[in-house]
mmCIF file of all heavy atoms, coordinates in Angstrom:
data_MODEL
# 
_entry.id   MODEL 
# 
loop_
_atom_site.group_PDB 
_atom_site.id 
_atom_site.type_symbol 
_atom_site.label_atom_id 
_atom_site.label_alt_id 
_atom_site.label_comp_id 
_atom_site.label_asym_id 
_atom_site.label_entity_id 
_atom_site.label_seq_id 
_atom_site.pdbx_PDB_ins_code 
_atom_site.Cartn_x 
_atom_site.Cartn_y 
_atom_site.Cartn_z 
_atom_site.occupancy 
_atom_site.B_iso_or_equiv 
_atom_site.pdbx_formal_charge 
_atom_site.auth_seq_id 
_atom_site.auth_comp_id 
_atom_site.auth_asym_id 
_atom_site.auth_atom_id 
_atom_site.pdbx_PDB_model_num 
ATOM 1   N N   . GLY A 1 1  ? -0.932  -14.301 5.054  1.00 0.00 ? 1  GLY A N   1 
ATOM 2   C CA  . GLY A 1 1  ? -0.054  -13.164 5.041  1.00 0.00 ? 1  GLY A CA  1 
ATOM 3   C C   . GLY A 1 1  ? 1.190   -13.175 4.132  1.00 0.00 ? 1  GLY A C   1 
ATOM 4   O O   . GLY A 1 1  ? 2.013   -12.297 4.147  1.00 0.00 ? 1  GLY A O   1 
ATOM 5   N N   . GLU A 1 2  ? 1.396   -14.277 3.416  1.00 0.00 ? 2  GLU A N   1 
ATOM 6   C CA  . GLU A 1 2  ? 2.520   -14.323 2.560  1.00 0.00 ? 2  GLU A CA  1 
ATOM 7   C C   . GLU A 1 2  ? 2.407   -13.234 1.443  1.00 0.00 ? 2  GLU A C   1 
ATOM 8   O O   . GLU A 1 2  ? 3.368   -12.525 1.161  1.00 0.00 ? 2  GLU A O   1 
ATOM 9   C CB  . GLU A 1 2  ? 2.652   -15.689 1.864  1.00 0.00 ? 2  GLU A CB  1 
ATOM 10  C CG  . GLU A 1 2  ? 3.032   -16.856 2.814  1.00 0.00 ? 2  GLU A CG  1 
ATOM 11  C CD  . GLU A 1 2  ? 4.499   -16.862 3.192  1.00 0.00 ? 2  GLU A CD  1 
ATOM 12  O OE1 . GLU A 1 2  ? 5.209   -16.061 2.511  1.00 0.00 ? 2  GLU A OE1 1 
ATOM 13  O OE2 . GLU A 1 2  ? 4.860   -17.553 4.086  1.00 0.00 ? 2  GLU A OE2 1 
ATOM 14  N N   . THR A 1 3  ? 1.278   -13.110 0.869  1.00 0.00 ? 3  THR A N   1 
ATOM 15  C CA  . THR A 1 3  ? 0.979   -12.063 -0.058 1.00 0.00 ? 3  THR A CA  1 
ATOM 16  C C   . THR A 1 3  ? -0.373  -11.367 0.247  1.00 0.00 ? 3  THR A C   1 
ATOM 17  O O   . THR A 1 3  ? -1.244  -12.026 0.853  1.00 0.00 ? 3  THR A O   1 
ATOM 18  C CB  . THR A 1 3  ? 0.963   -12.613 -1.482 1.00 0.00 ? 3  THR A CB  1 
ATOM 19  O OG1 . THR A 1 3  ? -0.039  -13.592 -1.657 1.00 0.00 ? 3  THR A OG1 1 
ATOM 20  C CG2 . THR A 1 3  ? 2.283   -13.114 -1.921 1.00 0.00 ? 3  THR A CG2 1 
ATOM 21  N N   . TRP A 1 4  ? -0.519  -10.146 -0.141 1.00 0.00 ? 4  TRP A N   1 
ATOM 22  C CA  . TRP A 1 4  ? -1.744  -9.403  0.198  1.00 0.00 ? 4  TRP A CA  1 
ATOM 23  C C   . TRP A 1 4  ? -2.292  -8.773  -1.168 1.00 0.00 ? 4  TRP A C   1 
ATOM 24  O O   . TRP A 1 4  ? -1.521  -8.318  -1.956 1.00 0.00 ? 4  TRP A O   1 
ATOM 25  C CB  . TRP A 1 4  ? -1.412  -8.287  1.178  1.00 0.00 ? 4  TRP A CB  1 
ATOM 26  C CG  . TRP A 1 4  ? -1.062  -8.822  2.523  1.00 0.00 ? 4  TRP A CG  1 
ATOM 27  C CD1 . TRP A 1 4  ? 0.212   -9.232  2.938  1.00 0.00 ? 4  TRP A CD1 1 
ATOM 28  C CD2 . TRP A 1 4  ? -1.925  -9.051  3.668  1.00 0.00 ? 4  TRP A CD2 1 
ATOM 29  N NE1 . TRP A 1 4  ? 0.215   -9.701  4.218  1.00 0.00 ? 4  TRP A NE1 1 
ATOM 30  C CE2 . TRP A 1 4  ? -1.040  -9.557  4.747  1.00 0.00 ? 4  TRP A CE2 1 
ATOM 31  C CE3 . TRP A 1 4  ? -3.228  -8.867  3.899  1.00 0.00 ? 4  TRP A CE3 1 
ATOM 32  C CZ2 . TRP A 1 4  ? -1.566  -9.925  5.961  1.00 0.00 ? 4  TRP A CZ2 1 
ATOM 33  C CZ3 . TRP A 1 4  ? -3.780  -9.171  5.192  1.00 0.00 ? 4  TRP A CZ3 1 
ATOM 34  C CH2 . TRP A 1 4  ? -2.906  -9.665  6.209  1.00 0.00 ? 4  TRP A CH2 1 
ATOM 35  N N   . LYS A 1 5  ? -3.514  -8.674  -1.202 1.00 0.00 ? 5  LYS A N   1 
ATOM 36  C CA  . LYS A 1 5  ? -4.270  -7.950  -2.290 1.00 0.00 ? 5  LYS A CA  1 
ATOM 37  C C   . LYS A 1 5  ? -4.870  -6.690  -1.763 1.00 0.00 ? 5  LYS A C   1 
ATOM 38  O O   . LYS A 1 5  ? -5.479  -6.714  -0.711 1.00 0.00 ? 5  LYS A O   1 
ATOM 39  C CB  . LYS A 1 5  ? -5.306  -8.784  -2.986 1.00 0.00 ? 5  LYS A CB  1 
ATOM 40  C CG  . LYS A 1 5  ? -6.105  -8.103  -4.023 1.00 0.00 ? 5  LYS A CG  1 
ATOM 41  C CD  . LYS A 1 5  ? -7.244  -9.072  -4.547 1.00 0.00 ? 5  LYS A CD  1 
ATOM 42  C CE  . LYS A 1 5  ? -8.030  -8.230  -5.582 1.00 0.00 ? 5  LYS A CE  1 
ATOM 43  N NZ  . LYS A 1 5  ? -9.170  -9.030  -6.048 1.00 0.00 ? 5  LYS A NZ  1 
ATOM 44  N N   . SER A 1 6  ? -4.619  -5.582  -2.340 1.00 0.00 ? 6  SER A N   1 
ATOM 45  C CA  . SER A 1 6  ? -5.202  -4.323  -1.965 1.00 0.00 ? 6  SER A CA  1 
ATOM 46  C C   . SER A 1 6  ? -6.609  -4.179  -2.534 1.00 0.00 ? 6  SER A C   1 
ATOM 47  O O   . SER A 1 6  ? -6.833  -4.168  -3.698 1.00 0.00 ? 6  SER A O   1 
ATOM 48  C CB  . SER A 1 6  ? -4.300  -3.092  -2.497 1.00 0.00 ? 6  SER A CB  1 
ATOM 49  O OG  . SER A 1 6  ? -4.873  -1.940  -2.038 1.00 0.00 ? 6  SER A OG  1 
ATOM 50  N N   . LEU A 1 7  ? -7.606  -4.103  -1.504 1.00 0.00 ? 7  LEU A N   1 
ATOM 51  C CA  . LEU A 1 7  ? -8.955  -3.962  -1.909 1.00 0.00 ? 7  LEU A CA  1 
ATOM 52  C C   . LEU A 1 7  ? -9.416  -2.560  -2.110 1.00 0.00 ? 7  LEU A C   1 
ATOM 53  O O   . LEU A 1 7  ? -10.293 -2.168  -2.889 1.00 0.00 ? 7  LEU A O   1 
ATOM 54  C CB  . LEU A 1 7  ? -9.953  -4.641  -0.832 1.00 0.00 ? 7  LEU A CB  1 
ATOM 55  C CG  . LEU A 1 7  ? -9.593  -6.087  -0.648 1.00 0.00 ? 7  LEU A CG  1 
ATOM 56  C CD1 . LEU A 1 7  ? -10.594 -6.692  0.359  1.00 0.00 ? 7  LEU A CD1 1 
ATOM 57  C CD2 . LEU A 1 7  ? -9.774  -6.845  -1.918 1.00 0.00 ? 7  LEU A CD2 1 
ATOM 58  N N   . THR A 1 8  ? -8.818  -1.608  -1.316 1.00 0.00 ? 8  THR A N   1 
ATOM 59  C CA  . THR A 1 8  ? -9.034  -0.230  -1.466 1.00 0.00 ? 8  THR A CA  1 
ATOM 60  C C   . THR A 1 8  ? -7.896  0.540   -0.921 1.00 0.00 ? 8  THR A C   1 
ATOM 61  O O   . THR A 1 8  ? -7.251  0.202   0.080  1.00 0.00 ? 8  THR A O   1 
ATOM 62  C CB  . THR A 1 8  ? -10.373 0.178   -0.730 1.00 0.00 ? 8  THR A CB  1 
ATOM 63  O OG1 . THR A 1 8  ? -10.469 1.642   -0.827 1.00 0.00 ? 8  THR A OG1 1 
ATOM 64  C CG2 . THR A 1 8  ? -10.299 -0.189  0.706  1.00 0.00 ? 8  THR A CG2 1 
ATOM 65  N N   . GLN A 1 9  ? -7.469  1.681   -1.551 1.00 0.00 ? 9  GLN A N   1 
ATOM 66  C CA  . GLN A 1 9  ? -6.495  2.530   -0.993 1.00 0.00 ? 9  GLN A CA  1 
ATOM 67  C C   . GLN A 1 9  ? -6.638  3.867   -1.727 1.00 0.00 ? 9  GLN A C   1 
ATOM 68  O O   . GLN A 1 9  ? -7.283  4.034   -2.750 1.00 0.00 ? 9  GLN A O   1 
ATOM 69  C CB  . GLN A 1 9  ? -5.050  1.953   -1.328 1.00 0.00 ? 9  GLN A CB  1 
ATOM 70  C CG  . GLN A 1 9  ? -4.739  1.792   -2.861 1.00 0.00 ? 9  GLN A CG  1 
ATOM 71  C CD  . GLN A 1 9  ? -3.463  1.116   -3.087 1.00 0.00 ? 9  GLN A CD  1 
ATOM 72  O OE1 . GLN A 1 9  ? -3.341  0.000   -2.769 1.00 0.00 ? 9  GLN A OE1 1 
ATOM 73  N NE2 . GLN A 1 9  ? -2.506  1.878   -3.632 1.00 0.00 ? 9  GLN A NE2 1 
ATOM 74  N N   . SER A 1 10 ? -6.016  4.938   -1.196 1.00 0.00 ? 10 SER A N   1 
ATOM 75  C CA  . SER A 1 10 ? -6.005  6.248   -1.785 1.00 0.00 ? 10 SER A CA  1 
ATOM 76  C C   . SER A 1 10 ? -4.805  7.001   -1.210 1.00 0.00 ? 10 SER A C   1 
ATOM 77  O O   . SER A 1 10 ? -4.136  6.549   -0.289 1.00 0.00 ? 10 SER A O   1 
ATOM 78  C CB  . SER A 1 10 ? -7.288  6.964   -1.462 1.00 0.00 ? 10 SER A CB  1 
ATOM 79  O OG  . SER A 1 10 ? -7.443  7.043   -0.028 1.00 0.00 ? 10 SER A OG  1 
ATOM 80  N N   . ASN A 1 11 ? -4.476  8.174   -1.783 1.00 0.00 ? 11 ASN A N   1 
ATOM 81  C CA  . ASN A 1 11 ? -3.381  8.910   -1.341 1.00 0.00 ? 11 ASN A CA  1 
ATOM 82  C C   . ASN A 1 11 ? -3.776  10.067  -0.347 1.00 0.00 ? 11 ASN A C   1 
ATOM 83  O O   . ASN A 1 11 ? -3.012  10.928  -0.032 1.00 0.00 ? 11 ASN A O   1 
ATOM 84  C CB  . ASN A 1 11 ? -2.713  9.570   -2.578 1.00 0.00 ? 11 ASN A CB  1 
ATOM 85  C CG  . ASN A 1 11 ? -1.990  8.552   -3.401 1.00 0.00 ? 11 ASN A CG  1 
ATOM 86  O OD1 . ASN A 1 11 ? -1.407  7.647   -2.882 1.00 0.00 ? 11 ASN A OD1 1 
ATOM 87  N ND2 . ASN A 1 11 ? -2.049  8.717   -4.651 1.00 0.00 ? 11 ASN A ND2 1 
ATOM 88  N N   . ASP A 1 12 ? -5.028  9.981   0.214  1.00 0.00 ? 12 ASP A N   1 
ATOM 89  C CA  . ASP A 1 12 ? -5.415  11.031  1.069  1.00 0.00 ? 12 ASP A CA  1 
ATOM 90  C C   . ASP A 1 12 ? -4.948  10.697  2.515  1.00 0.00 ? 12 ASP A C   1 
ATOM 91  O O   . ASP A 1 12 ? -4.218  9.727   2.677  1.00 0.00 ? 12 ASP A O   1 
ATOM 92  C CB  . ASP A 1 12 ? -6.938  11.187  1.072  1.00 0.00 ? 12 ASP A CB  1 
ATOM 93  C CG  . ASP A 1 12 ? -7.664  9.904   1.389  1.00 0.00 ? 12 ASP A CG  1 
ATOM 94  O OD1 . ASP A 1 12 ? -7.118  9.004   2.044  1.00 0.00 ? 12 ASP A OD1 1 
ATOM 95  O OD2 . ASP A 1 12 ? -8.838  9.782   0.979  1.00 0.00 ? 12 ASP A OD2 1 
ATOM 96  N N   . LEU A 1 13 ? -5.336  11.433  3.551  1.00 0.00 ? 13 LEU A N   1 
ATOM 97  C CA  . LEU A 1 13 ? -4.873  11.208  4.893  1.00 0.00 ? 13 LEU A CA  1 
ATOM 98  C C   . LEU A 1 13 ? -5.787  10.311  5.713  1.00 0.00 ? 13 LEU A C   1 
ATOM 99  O O   . LEU A 1 13 ? -5.603  10.211  6.860  1.00 0.00 ? 13 LEU A O   1 
ATOM 100 C CB  . LEU A 1 13 ? -4.730  12.564  5.580  1.00 0.00 ? 13 LEU A CB  1 
ATOM 101 C CG  . LEU A 1 13 ? -3.692  13.531  4.996  1.00 0.00 ? 13 LEU A CG  1 
ATOM 102 C CD1 . LEU A 1 13 ? -3.684  14.878  5.713  1.00 0.00 ? 13 LEU A CD1 1 
ATOM 103 C CD2 . LEU A 1 13 ? -2.309  12.875  4.979  1.00 0.00 ? 13 LEU A CD2 1 
ATOM 104 N N   . GLN A 1 14 ? -6.730  9.711   5.022  1.00 0.00 ? 14 GLN A N   1 
ATOM 105 C CA  . GLN A 1 14 ? -7.672  8.873   5.742  1.00 0.00 ? 14 GLN A CA  1 
ATOM 106 C C   . GLN A 1 14 ? -6.899  7.661   6.367  1.00 0.00 ? 14 GLN A C   1 
ATOM 107 O O   . GLN A 1 14 ? -6.207  6.898   5.656  1.00 0.00 ? 14 GLN A O   1 
ATOM 108 C CB  . GLN A 1 14 ? -8.739  8.291   4.763  1.00 0.00 ? 14 GLN A CB  1 
ATOM 109 C CG  . GLN A 1 14 ? -9.674  7.302   5.376  1.00 0.00 ? 14 GLN A CG  1 
ATOM 110 C CD  . GLN A 1 14 ? -10.939 8.029   5.982  1.00 0.00 ? 14 GLN A CD  1 
ATOM 111 O OE1 . GLN A 1 14 ? -10.776 8.976   6.671  1.00 0.00 ? 14 GLN A OE1 1 
ATOM 112 N NE2 . GLN A 1 14 ? -12.098 7.494   5.705  1.00 0.00 ? 14 GLN A NE2 1 
ATOM 113 N N   . ARG A 1 15 ? -7.099  7.461   7.675  1.00 0.00 ? 15 ARG A N   1 
ATOM 114 C CA  . ARG A 1 15 ? -6.363  6.453   8.370  1.00 0.00 ? 15 ARG A CA  1 
ATOM 115 C C   . ARG A 1 15 ? -7.406  5.475   9.001  1.00 0.00 ? 15 ARG A C   1 
ATOM 116 O O   . ARG A 1 15 ? -8.291  5.885   9.733  1.00 0.00 ? 15 ARG A O   1 
ATOM 117 C CB  . ARG A 1 15 ? -5.486  7.000   9.463  1.00 0.00 ? 15 ARG A CB  1 
ATOM 118 C CG  . ARG A 1 15 ? -4.503  5.881   10.012 1.00 0.00 ? 15 ARG A CG  1 
ATOM 119 C CD  . ARG A 1 15 ? -3.677  6.455   11.144 1.00 0.00 ? 15 ARG A CD  1 
ATOM 120 N NE  . ARG A 1 15 ? -2.630  5.515   11.426 1.00 0.00 ? 15 ARG A NE  1 
ATOM 121 C CZ  . ARG A 1 15 ? -1.832  5.543   12.556 1.00 0.00 ? 15 ARG A CZ  1 
ATOM 122 N NH1 . ARG A 1 15 ? -2.080  6.423   13.449 1.00 0.00 ? 15 ARG A NH1 1 
ATOM 123 N NH2 . ARG A 1 15 ? -0.927  4.658   12.784 1.00 0.00 ? 15 ARG A NH2 1 
ATOM 124 N N   . LEU A 1 16 ? -7.323  4.189   8.598  1.00 0.00 ? 16 LEU A N   1 
ATOM 125 C CA  . LEU A 1 16 ? -8.229  3.185   9.200  1.00 0.00 ? 16 LEU A CA  1 
ATOM 126 C C   . LEU A 1 16 ? -7.562  2.581   10.378 1.00 0.00 ? 16 LEU A C   1 
ATOM 127 O O   . LEU A 1 16 ? -6.421  2.186   10.349 1.00 0.00 ? 16 LEU A O   1 
ATOM 128 C CB  . LEU A 1 16 ? -8.512  2.124   8.158  1.00 0.00 ? 16 LEU A CB  1 
ATOM 129 C CG  . LEU A 1 16 ? -9.073  2.633   6.768  1.00 0.00 ? 16 LEU A CG  1 
ATOM 130 C CD1 . LEU A 1 16 ? -9.428  1.503   5.839  1.00 0.00 ? 16 LEU A CD1 1 
ATOM 131 C CD2 . LEU A 1 16 ? -10.277 3.500   6.993  1.00 0.00 ? 16 LEU A CD2 1 
ATOM 132 N N   . LEU A 1 17 ? -8.255  2.482   11.555 1.00 0.00 ? 17 LEU A N   1 
ATOM 133 C CA  . LEU A 1 17 ? -7.730  2.177   12.792 1.00 0.00 ? 17 LEU A CA  1 
ATOM 134 C C   . LEU A 1 17 ? -7.923  0.749   13.193 1.00 0.00 ? 17 LEU A C   1 
ATOM 135 O O   . LEU A 1 17 ? -7.088  0.069   13.776 1.00 0.00 ? 17 LEU A O   1 
ATOM 136 C CB  . LEU A 1 17 ? -8.248  3.136   13.936 1.00 0.00 ? 17 LEU A CB  1 
ATOM 137 C CG  . LEU A 1 17 ? -7.911  4.594   13.722 1.00 0.00 ? 17 LEU A CG  1 
ATOM 138 C CD1 . LEU A 1 17 ? -8.537  5.424   14.804 1.00 0.00 ? 17 LEU A CD1 1 
ATOM 139 C CD2 . LEU A 1 17 ? -6.431  4.872   13.735 1.00 0.00 ? 17 LEU A CD2 1 
ATOM 140 N N   . LYS A 1 18 ? -9.207  0.216   13.037 1.00 0.00 ? 18 LYS A N   1 
ATOM 141 C CA  . LYS A 1 18 ? -9.496  -1.156  13.483 1.00 0.00 ? 18 LYS A CA  1 
ATOM 142 C C   . LYS A 1 18 ? -10.633 -1.683  12.680 1.00 0.00 ? 18 LYS A C   1 
ATOM 143 O O   . LYS A 1 18 ? -11.463 -0.994  12.212 1.00 0.00 ? 18 LYS A O   1 
ATOM 144 C CB  . LYS A 1 18 ? -9.936  -1.054  15.007 1.00 0.00 ? 18 LYS A CB  1 
ATOM 145 C CG  . LYS A 1 18 ? -9.933  -2.459  15.626 1.00 0.00 ? 18 LYS A CG  1 
ATOM 146 C CD  . LYS A 1 18 ? -9.866  -2.410  17.126 1.00 0.00 ? 18 LYS A CD  1 
ATOM 147 C CE  . LYS A 1 18 ? -9.739  -3.837  17.723 1.00 0.00 ? 18 LYS A CE  1 
ATOM 148 N NZ  . LYS A 1 18 ? -9.657  -3.886  19.186 1.00 0.00 ? 18 LYS A NZ  1 
ATOM 149 N N   . ILE A 1 19 ? -10.584 -3.081  12.485 1.00 0.00 ? 19 ILE A N   1 
ATOM 150 C CA  . ILE A 1 19 ? -11.555 -3.716  11.652 1.00 0.00 ? 19 ILE A CA  1 
ATOM 151 C C   . ILE A 1 19 ? -12.276 -4.737  12.407 1.00 0.00 ? 19 ILE A C   1 
ATOM 152 O O   . ILE A 1 19 ? -11.721 -5.492  13.223 1.00 0.00 ? 19 ILE A O   1 
ATOM 153 C CB  . ILE A 1 19 ? -10.943 -4.340  10.421 1.00 0.00 ? 19 ILE A CB  1 
ATOM 154 C CG1 . ILE A 1 19 ? -11.957 -4.896  9.457  1.00 0.00 ? 19 ILE A CG1 1 
ATOM 155 C CG2 . ILE A 1 19 ? -9.785  -5.325  10.793 1.00 0.00 ? 19 ILE A CG2 1 
ATOM 156 C CD1 . ILE A 1 19 ? -11.439 -5.304  8.095  1.00 0.00 ? 19 ILE A CD1 1 
ATOM 157 N N   . TYR A 1 20 ? -13.613 -4.920  12.182 1.00 0.00 ? 20 TYR A N   1 
ATOM 158 C CA  . TYR A 1 20 ? -14.398 -6.042  12.649 1.00 0.00 ? 20 TYR A CA  1 
ATOM 159 C C   . TYR A 1 20 ? -15.108 -6.635  11.446 1.00 0.00 ? 20 TYR A C   1 
ATOM 160 O O   . TYR A 1 20 ? -15.672 -5.849  10.748 1.00 0.00 ? 20 TYR A O   1 
ATOM 161 C CB  . TYR A 1 20 ? -15.344 -5.585  13.747 1.00 0.00 ? 20 TYR A CB  1 
ATOM 162 C CG  . TYR A 1 20 ? -16.385 -6.676  14.017 1.00 0.00 ? 20 TYR A CG  1 
ATOM 163 C CD1 . TYR A 1 20 ? -16.001 -7.800  14.694 1.00 0.00 ? 20 TYR A CD1 1 
ATOM 164 C CD2 . TYR A 1 20 ? -17.665 -6.514  13.529 1.00 0.00 ? 20 TYR A CD2 1 
ATOM 165 C CE1 . TYR A 1 20 ? -16.994 -8.849  14.970 1.00 0.00 ? 20 TYR A CE1 1 
ATOM 166 C CE2 . TYR A 1 20 ? -18.668 -7.528  13.835 1.00 0.00 ? 20 TYR A CE2 1 
ATOM 167 C CZ  . TYR A 1 20 ? -18.251 -8.653  14.563 1.00 0.00 ? 20 TYR A CZ  1 
ATOM 168 O OH  . TYR A 1 20 ? -19.207 -9.671  14.794 1.00 0.00 ? 20 TYR A OH  1 
ATOM 169 N N   . SER A 1 21 ? -15.074 -7.961  11.396 1.00 0.00 ? 21 SER A N   1 
ATOM 170 C CA  . SER A 1 21 ? -15.726 -8.512  10.182 1.00 0.00 ? 21 SER A CA  1 
ATOM 171 C C   . SER A 1 21 ? -16.365 -9.874  10.607 1.00 0.00 ? 21 SER A C   1 
ATOM 172 O O   . SER A 1 21 ? -15.614 -10.888 10.802 1.00 0.00 ? 21 SER A O   1 
ATOM 173 C CB  . SER A 1 21 ? -14.703 -8.768  9.091  1.00 0.00 ? 21 SER A CB  1 
ATOM 174 O OG  . SER A 1 21 ? -15.239 -9.402  7.918  1.00 0.00 ? 21 SER A OG  1 
ATOM 175 N N   . PRO A 1 22 ? -17.684 -9.956  10.714 1.00 0.00 ? 22 PRO A N   1 
ATOM 176 C CA  . PRO A 1 22 ? -18.310 -11.196 11.035 1.00 0.00 ? 22 PRO A CA  1 
ATOM 177 C C   . PRO A 1 22 ? -18.279 -12.212 9.864  1.00 0.00 ? 22 PRO A C   1 
ATOM 178 O O   . PRO A 1 22 ? -18.208 -13.423 10.058 1.00 0.00 ? 22 PRO A O   1 
ATOM 179 C CB  . PRO A 1 22 ? -19.734 -10.817 11.337 1.00 0.00 ? 22 PRO A CB  1 
ATOM 180 C CG  . PRO A 1 22 ? -19.994 -9.546  10.573 1.00 0.00 ? 22 PRO A CG  1 
ATOM 181 C CD  . PRO A 1 22 ? -18.621 -8.860  10.582 1.00 0.00 ? 22 PRO A CD  1 
ATOM 182 N N   . PHE A 1 23 ? -18.179 -11.747 8.637  1.00 0.00 ? 23 PHE A N   1 
ATOM 183 C CA  . PHE A 1 23 ? -18.090 -12.554 7.403  1.00 0.00 ? 23 PHE A CA  1 
ATOM 184 C C   . PHE A 1 23 ? -17.066 -11.906 6.535  1.00 0.00 ? 23 PHE A C   1 
ATOM 185 O O   . PHE A 1 23 ? -16.865 -10.705 6.558  1.00 0.00 ? 23 PHE A O   1 
ATOM 186 C CB  . PHE A 1 23 ? -19.411 -12.791 6.742  1.00 0.00 ? 23 PHE A CB  1 
ATOM 187 C CG  . PHE A 1 23 ? -20.505 -13.248 7.613  1.00 0.00 ? 23 PHE A CG  1 
ATOM 188 C CD1 . PHE A 1 23 ? -21.503 -12.333 8.056  1.00 0.00 ? 23 PHE A CD1 1 
ATOM 189 C CD2 . PHE A 1 23 ? -20.576 -14.486 8.091  1.00 0.00 ? 23 PHE A CD2 1 
ATOM 190 C CE1 . PHE A 1 23 ? -22.509 -12.785 8.835  1.00 0.00 ? 23 PHE A CE1 1 
ATOM 191 C CE2 . PHE A 1 23 ? -21.534 -14.935 8.941  1.00 0.00 ? 23 PHE A CE2 1 
ATOM 192 C CZ  . PHE A 1 23 ? -22.576 -14.019 9.293  1.00 0.00 ? 23 PHE A CZ  1 
ATOM 193 N N   . PRO A 1 24 ? -16.538 -12.705 5.558  1.00 0.00 ? 24 PRO A N   1 
ATOM 194 C CA  . PRO A 1 24 ? -15.426 -12.147 4.701  1.00 0.00 ? 24 PRO A CA  1 
ATOM 195 C C   . PRO A 1 24 ? -15.997 -10.944 3.825  1.00 0.00 ? 24 PRO A C   1 
ATOM 196 O O   . PRO A 1 24 ? -15.256 -10.078 3.421  1.00 0.00 ? 24 PRO A O   1 
ATOM 197 C CB  . PRO A 1 24 ? -15.048 -13.247 3.836  1.00 0.00 ? 24 PRO A CB  1 
ATOM 198 C CG  . PRO A 1 24 ? -15.239 -14.438 4.708  1.00 0.00 ? 24 PRO A CG  1 
ATOM 199 C CD  . PRO A 1 24 ? -16.454 -14.166 5.542  1.00 0.00 ? 24 PRO A CD  1 
ATOM 200 N N   . ASP A 1 25 ? -17.361 -11.017 3.521  1.00 0.00 ? 25 ASP A N   1 
ATOM 201 C CA  . ASP A 1 25 ? -17.931 -9.936  2.655  1.00 0.00 ? 25 ASP A CA  1 
ATOM 202 C C   . ASP A 1 25 ? -18.489 -8.703  3.449  1.00 0.00 ? 25 ASP A C   1 
ATOM 203 O O   . ASP A 1 25 ? -18.828 -7.701  2.814  1.00 0.00 ? 25 ASP A O   1 
ATOM 204 C CB  . ASP A 1 25 ? -18.981 -10.480 1.694  1.00 0.00 ? 25 ASP A CB  1 
ATOM 205 C CG  . ASP A 1 25 ? -20.145 -11.111 2.554  1.00 0.00 ? 25 ASP A CG  1 
ATOM 206 O OD1 . ASP A 1 25 ? -20.013 -11.228 3.788  1.00 0.00 ? 25 ASP A OD1 1 
ATOM 207 O OD2 . ASP A 1 25 ? -21.187 -11.373 1.888  1.00 0.00 ? 25 ASP A OD2 1 
ATOM 208 N N   . THR A 1 26 ? -18.430 -8.850  4.775  1.00 0.00 ? 26 THR A N   1 
ATOM 209 C CA  . THR A 1 26 ? -19.086 -7.717  5.566  1.00 0.00 ? 26 THR A CA  1 
ATOM 210 C C   . THR A 1 26 ? -18.078 -7.326  6.546  1.00 0.00 ? 26 THR A C   1 
ATOM 211 O O   . THR A 1 26 ? -17.472 -8.132  7.272  1.00 0.00 ? 26 THR A O   1 
ATOM 212 C CB  . THR A 1 26 ? -20.352 -8.265  6.267  1.00 0.00 ? 26 THR A CB  1 
ATOM 213 O OG1 . THR A 1 26 ? -21.301 -8.720  5.333  1.00 0.00 ? 26 THR A OG1 1 
ATOM 214 C CG2 . THR A 1 26 ? -20.962 -7.178  7.161  1.00 0.00 ? 26 THR A CG2 1 
ATOM 215 N N   . ALA A 1 27 ? -17.925 -5.965  6.714  1.00 0.00 ? 27 ALA A N   1 
ATOM 216 C CA  . ALA A 1 27 ? -16.916 -5.448  7.632  1.00 0.00 ? 27 ALA A CA  1 
ATOM 217 C C   . ALA A 1 27 ? -17.190 -4.016  7.999  1.00 0.00 ? 27 ALA A C   1 
ATOM 218 O O   . ALA A 1 27 ? -17.893 -3.312  7.281  1.00 0.00 ? 27 ALA A O   1 
ATOM 219 C CB  . ALA A 1 27 ? -15.520 -5.491  6.970  1.00 0.00 ? 27 ALA A CB  1 
# 
């Protein structure tokens, strides 16, 4: 958490609430 890379973002109102990821490439 020292630095973060943005994988996806947009300027719309879409709000992501919670994430589950069994593997780093799958979520």
